[in-house]
Amino acid sequence: MGFSVRALAQVFLGALVWASLALSGGASAQTRDVVVFAAASLKNALDEAGAAWMRDTGKRVVMSYAASNALAKQIEAGAPADLFFSADLDWMDYAATKGLIKTESRVSLLGNSLVLIAPKGSAVQAELKPGLDLAAVLGSNRLAMGHVNAVPAGKYGKAALEHLGIWTGVKDRTAQTENVRTALLLVSRGEAPLGIVYKTDAASDPNVTIVATFPEGSHSPIFYPVALTKDSSNPDAAAFLSFLRSDKAEPFFEKQGFTVLNKAGSGS
């Protein structure tokens, strides 16, 4: 797919977010907000966790959501993030290789599953196994999924379809999006009959239904690592990371369907 108007809009929105965050960081490190760059699929859980932390501490946390690849690139370009919460290991590895994170703070906190969804009320049925003619199920329509070369959910989705021998039949029938929540939205609005998203995304939208869950062995395990950024000097950032790893935050993640893998005190 070409560089869409939507993608251009995301770039400009990112620039505006940077500007607003930079202004909020004009105060001293002791008083500015904790800024979290997080994968779009974390939005519901992190919004609730952040609100709870603010109620407990009286301190503010600002979330910026996008695809993990976009966030990593923004941090590399100097965006003022305190924490990076990725939807896969690859982009956290990228950030580590570029020296963008404090590696000792890194932890794979959450796990997730990959599902095939349809609009609520859809009669579509599909069993995710070798031999499935997904193109026939799609008819003349397209499969919504994150960009397969960059967006974690898209990369997992392509790997799973390849493993099942389905990818070749649908690779030219995809609507690839800049993040997983946009793929979810296409299905939720009925603009796509099927989509590949995380289980937690499907749980967040009452207008979609899960058609099938991809077998665990069809793609690499889905881990969500989080780390402090190298340039963060905000003492509250480490406190918020500790909160995310605590028993207090666990219900917010589990409510959305995440598996909590690594809490504070359990090692890394």
Protein backbone atom coordinates (compact mmCIF):
# COMPACT_ATOMS: atom_id res chain seq x y z
CA MET A 1 0.00 0.00 0.00
CA GLY A 2 1.13 3.55 -0.61
CA PHE A 3 1.68 6.26 1.92
CA SER A 4 -1.93 7.09 2.78
CA VAL A 5 -3.56 10.31 3.89
CA ARG A 6 -4.20 8.57 7.21
CA ALA A 7 -0.49 7.85 7.58
CA LEU A 8 0.34 11.47 6.84
CA ALA A 9 -2.19 12.55 9.43
CA GLN A 10 -0.52 10.32 12.00
CA VAL A 11 2.83 11.94 11.30
CA PHE A 12 1.40 15.42 11.82
CA LEU A 13 -0.46 14.27 14.95
CA GLY A 14 2.80 12.86 16.28
CA ALA A 15 4.47 16.20 15.74
CA LEU A 16 1.72 17.95 17.68
CA VAL A 17 2.05 15.44 20.52
CA TRP A 18 5.80 16.04 20.63
CA ALA A 19 5.25 19.79 20.83
CA SER A 20 2.73 19.52 23.66
CA LEU A 21 4.93 17.12 25.59
CA ALA A 22 7.94 19.35 25.12
CA LEU A 23 5.97 22.28 26.55
CA SER A 24 4.86 20.21 29.54
CA GLY A 25 8.49 19.29 30.09
CA GLY A 26 9.55 22.88 30.36
CA ALA A 27 9.28 22.65 34.11
CA SER A 28 11.82 20.81 36.19
CA ALA A 29 12.12 17.03 36.04
CA GLN A 30 10.73 16.91 39.57
CA THR A 31 7.40 18.47 38.58
CA ARG A 32 6.66 17.46 35.00
CA ASP A 33 4.25 14.70 34.01
CA VAL A 34 5.32 11.12 33.41
CA VAL A 35 5.11 10.57 29.65
CA VAL A 36 4.42 7.04 28.43
CA PHE A 37 4.76 5.99 24.78
CA ALA A 38 2.65 2.84 24.53
CA ALA A 39 1.38 0.45 21.87
CA ALA A 40 -2.15 1.27 20.72
CA SER A 41 -3.47 -2.08 21.95
CA LEU A 42 -2.68 -1.06 25.54
CA LYS A 43 -4.96 1.97 25.55
CA ASN A 44 -7.91 0.72 27.61
CA ALA A 45 -5.82 -0.98 30.28
CA LEU A 46 -3.24 1.81 30.56
CA ASP A 47 -5.83 4.57 30.66
CA GLU A 48 -7.38 2.90 33.70
CA ALA A 49 -4.03 2.13 35.32
CA GLY A 50 -2.83 5.68 34.78
CA ALA A 51 -6.01 7.12 36.27
CA ALA A 52 -5.64 4.89 39.34
CA TRP A 53 -2.02 5.92 39.83
CA MET A 54 -2.96 9.59 39.58
CA ARG A 55 -5.69 9.11 42.18
CA ASP A 56 -3.22 7.41 44.51
CA THR A 57 -0.32 9.83 44.06
CA GLY A 58 -1.79 13.10 42.83
CA LYS A 59 0.75 13.03 39.99
CA ARG A 60 -0.09 13.07 36.31
CA VAL A 61 0.78 10.55 33.63
CA VAL A 62 0.36 11.37 29.95
CA MET A 63 -0.13 8.54 27.45
CA SER A 64 0.80 8.70 23.77
CA TYR A 65 -0.53 5.71 21.80
CA ALA A 66 0.56 4.49 18.38
CA ALA A 67 2.12 1.45 16.74
CA SER A 68 5.29 0.29 18.49
CA ASN A 69 7.42 0.91 15.41
CA ALA A 70 6.23 4.52 15.17
CA LEU A 71 6.87 5.12 18.87
CA ALA A 72 10.38 3.67 18.75
CA LYS A 73 11.21 5.91 15.80
CA GLN A 74 9.77 8.95 17.58
CA ILE A 75 11.88 8.27 20.67
CA GLU A 76 14.91 7.85 18.44
CA ALA A 77 14.13 11.23 16.90
CA GLY A 78 14.13 12.86 20.34
CA ALA A 79 10.50 12.71 21.48
CA PRO A 80 10.40 13.30 25.28
CA ALA A 81 9.13 9.94 26.55
CA ASP A 82 9.86 8.55 30.03
CA LEU A 83 8.63 5.00 29.38
CA PHE A 84 8.34 2.89 26.23
CA PHE A 85 5.75 0.09 26.31
CA SER A 86 6.03 -2.03 23.17
CA ALA A 87 3.69 -4.67 21.74
CA ASP A 88 6.56 -6.90 20.70
CA LEU A 89 10.15 -7.73 21.54
CA ASP A 90 11.56 -6.63 18.18
CA TRP A 91 10.90 -2.92 18.63
CA MET A 92 12.13 -2.95 22.22
CA ASP A 93 15.25 -4.72 20.95
CA TYR A 94 15.57 -1.96 18.36
CA ALA A 95 15.32 0.68 21.08
CA ALA A 96 17.95 -1.15 23.13
CA THR A 97 20.32 -1.46 20.16
CA LYS A 98 19.98 2.27 19.53
CA GLY A 99 20.70 3.04 23.19
CA LEU A 100 17.25 4.51 23.76
CA ILE A 101 16.29 2.63 26.94
CA LYS A 102 17.70 1.84 30.38
CA THR A 103 18.20 -1.86 29.79
CA GLU A 104 18.26 -2.72 33.49
CA SER A 105 14.66 -1.47 33.78
CA ARG A 106 13.35 -3.59 30.89
CA VAL A 107 10.79 -6.27 31.67
CA SER A 108 8.38 -8.32 29.55
CA LEU A 109 5.26 -7.52 31.53
CA LEU A 110 2.32 -8.87 29.52
CA GLY A 111 1.22 -11.61 27.17
CA ASN A 112 -1.57 -11.61 24.57
CA SER A 113 -3.30 -13.74 21.93
CA LEU A 114 -4.05 -13.15 18.25
CA VAL A 115 -7.61 -13.50 16.92
CA LEU A 116 -9.65 -13.25 13.75
CA ILE A 117 -12.62 -10.91 14.17
CA ALA A 118 -15.77 -9.95 12.29
CA PRO A 119 -18.42 -7.27 12.83
CA LYS A 120 -20.93 -8.08 15.56
CA GLY A 121 -23.78 -10.15 14.16
CA SER A 122 -21.73 -11.47 11.26
CA ALA A 123 -22.51 -15.01 10.13
CA VAL A 124 -18.93 -15.58 8.95
CA GLN A 125 -17.38 -18.84 10.12
CA ALA A 126 -13.75 -19.85 9.70
CA GLU A 127 -11.53 -22.44 11.33
CA LEU A 128 -7.91 -21.34 11.41
CA LYS A 129 -6.17 -24.42 10.12
CA PRO A 130 -4.15 -25.41 7.04
CA GLY A 131 -6.30 -25.50 3.93
CA LEU A 132 -8.62 -22.65 4.91
CA ASP A 133 -9.60 -20.64 1.81
CA LEU A 134 -9.69 -17.29 3.54
CA ALA A 135 -9.93 -15.45 0.23
CA ALA A 136 -13.25 -17.18 -0.44
CA VAL A 137 -14.49 -16.17 3.00
CA LEU A 138 -13.53 -12.55 2.26
CA GLY A 139 -15.36 -12.53 -1.07
CA SER A 140 -14.63 -9.24 -2.82
CA ASN A 141 -13.59 -7.54 0.43
CA ARG A 142 -10.30 -7.12 2.30
CA LEU A 143 -8.72 -8.42 5.48
CA ALA A 144 -7.92 -5.62 7.97
CA MET A 145 -4.60 -5.98 9.79
CA GLY A 146 -1.63 -3.94 10.93
CA HIS A 147 1.12 -3.27 8.43
CA VAL A 148 2.90 -6.60 8.06
CA ASN A 149 6.39 -5.13 7.79
CA ALA A 150 6.26 -2.92 10.86
CA VAL A 151 3.21 -3.10 13.14
CA PRO A 152 3.60 -5.96 15.66
CA ALA A 153 0.06 -7.30 15.26
CA GLY A 154 0.52 -7.25 11.50
CA LYS A 155 3.83 -9.09 11.75
CA TYR A 156 2.31 -11.73 14.03
CA GLY A 157 -0.68 -12.01 11.69
CA LYS A 158 1.42 -12.54 8.58
CA ALA A 159 3.58 -15.12 10.38
CA ALA A 160 0.48 -17.03 11.51
CA LEU A 161 -1.09 -16.98 8.05
CA GLU A 162 2.19 -18.15 6.52
CA HIS A 163 2.45 -20.96 9.06
CA LEU A 164 -1.06 -22.12 8.16
CA GLY A 165 -0.41 -21.83 4.42
CA ILE A 166 -3.04 -19.11 4.03
CA TRP A 167 -0.93 -16.00 3.37
CA THR A 168 -0.35 -16.47 -0.37
CA GLY A 169 -4.08 -16.50 -1.03
CA VAL A 170 -4.79 -13.25 0.82
CA LYS A 171 -1.59 -11.19 0.65
CA ASP A 172 -3.07 -9.01 -2.09
CA ARG A 173 -6.41 -8.78 -0.32
CA THR A 174 -5.32 -6.98 2.86
CA ALA A 175 -6.12 -3.52 4.19
CA GLN A 176 -2.94 -2.77 6.12
CA THR A 177 -3.15 -0.07 8.79
CA GLU A 178 -0.72 2.05 10.81
CA ASN A 179 -1.72 0.37 14.09
CA VAL A 180 -3.88 -2.47 15.35
CA ARG A 181 -6.64 -0.21 16.68
CA THR A 182 -7.24 1.16 13.18
CA ALA A 183 -7.66 -2.40 11.90
CA LEU A 184 -10.12 -2.98 14.73
CA LEU A 185 -12.03 0.16 13.75
CA LEU A 186 -12.38 -0.95 10.12
CA VAL A 187 -14.09 -4.15 11.26
CA SER A 188 -16.12 -2.41 13.99
CA ARG A 189 -17.55 0.00 11.40
CA GLY A 190 -18.28 -2.81 8.94
CA GLU A 191 -15.75 -1.48 6.44
CA ALA A 192 -13.94 -4.83 6.48
CA PRO A 193 -15.62 -8.23 7.01
CA LEU A 194 -12.64 -9.71 8.83
CA GLY A 195 -9.62 -8.46 10.72
CA ILE A 196 -6.63 -9.71 12.67
CA VAL A 197 -6.15 -8.07 16.07
CA TYR A 198 -5.16 -8.98 19.59
CA LYS A 199 -7.66 -10.69 21.85
CA THR A 200 -7.55 -7.63 24.10
CA ASP A 201 -8.55 -5.34 21.21
CA ALA A 202 -11.56 -7.51 20.45
CA ALA A 203 -12.55 -7.36 24.12
CA SER A 204 -12.46 -3.56 24.05
CA ASP A 205 -15.01 -3.16 21.23
CA PRO A 206 -18.62 -4.42 21.61
CA ASN A 207 -19.16 -4.05 17.87
CA VAL A 208 -16.90 -6.96 16.91
CA THR A 209 -16.97 -10.68 17.57
CA ILE A 210 -14.15 -13.22 17.68
CA VAL A 211 -14.43 -15.71 14.83
CA ALA A 212 -11.40 -17.80 15.81
CA THR A 213 -8.17 -17.68 17.80
CA PHE A 214 -4.88 -18.35 16.04
CA PRO A 215 -3.09 -21.45 17.35
CA GLU A 216 -0.25 -20.48 19.71
CA GLY A 217 2.31 -22.36 17.62
CA SER A 218 1.40 -20.43 14.47
CA HIS A 219 3.34 -17.34 15.55
CA SER A 220 5.99 -16.39 18.08
CA PRO A 221 4.76 -15.69 21.64
CA ILE A 222 3.26 -12.23 22.04
CA PHE A 223 5.12 -10.34 24.75
CA TYR A 224 4.78 -6.70 25.80
CA PRO A 225 8.08 -5.33 27.16
CA VAL A 226 8.29 -2.00 28.99
CA ALA A 227 11.34 0.05 29.95
CA LEU A 228 12.45 3.48 31.10
CA THR A 229 13.94 5.57 28.33
CA LYS A 230 17.63 6.42 28.48
CA ASP A 231 17.08 10.17 28.52
CA SER A 232 14.36 10.21 31.18
CA SER A 233 15.35 12.09 34.32
CA ASN A 234 11.88 12.12 35.84
CA PRO A 235 12.00 10.35 39.24
CA ASP A 236 8.27 9.61 39.02
CA ALA A 237 8.79 7.47 35.90
CA ALA A 238 10.38 4.62 37.85
CA ALA A 239 7.59 4.88 40.42
CA PHE A 240 4.97 4.51 37.70
CA LEU A 241 6.80 1.53 36.20
CA SER A 242 6.81 -0.09 39.65
CA PHE A 243 3.09 0.58 39.89
CA LEU A 244 2.49 -1.13 36.52
CA ARG A 245 4.29 -4.20 37.88
CA SER A 246 2.36 -4.22 41.15
CA ASP A 247 -0.73 -6.08 42.30
CA LYS A 248 -2.65 -2.79 42.09
CA ALA A 249 -2.25 -2.60 38.30
CA GLU A 250 -2.80 -6.28 37.56
CA PRO A 251 -6.64 -6.10 37.46
CA PHE A 252 -6.59 -3.40 34.78
CA PHE A 253 -4.57 -5.62 32.46
CA GLU A 254 -6.46 -8.82 33.23
CA LYS A 255 -9.80 -7.06 32.68
CA GLN A 256 -8.77 -6.47 29.07
CA GLY A 257 -7.58 -10.04 28.59
CA PHE A 258 -3.82 -9.62 29.03
CA THR A 259 -1.78 -12.19 30.89
CA VAL A 260 0.46 -10.59 33.52
CA LEU A 261 3.86 -12.26 33.17
CA ASN A 262 6.32 -10.40 35.30
CA LYS A 263 5.43 -8.47 38.43
CA ALA A 264 7.82 -6.56 40.68
CA GLY A 265 9.92 -8.86 42.80
CA SER A 266 9.55 -11.85 40.46
CA GLY A 267 12.74 -11.27 38.51
CA SER A 268 13.14 -10.44 34.85
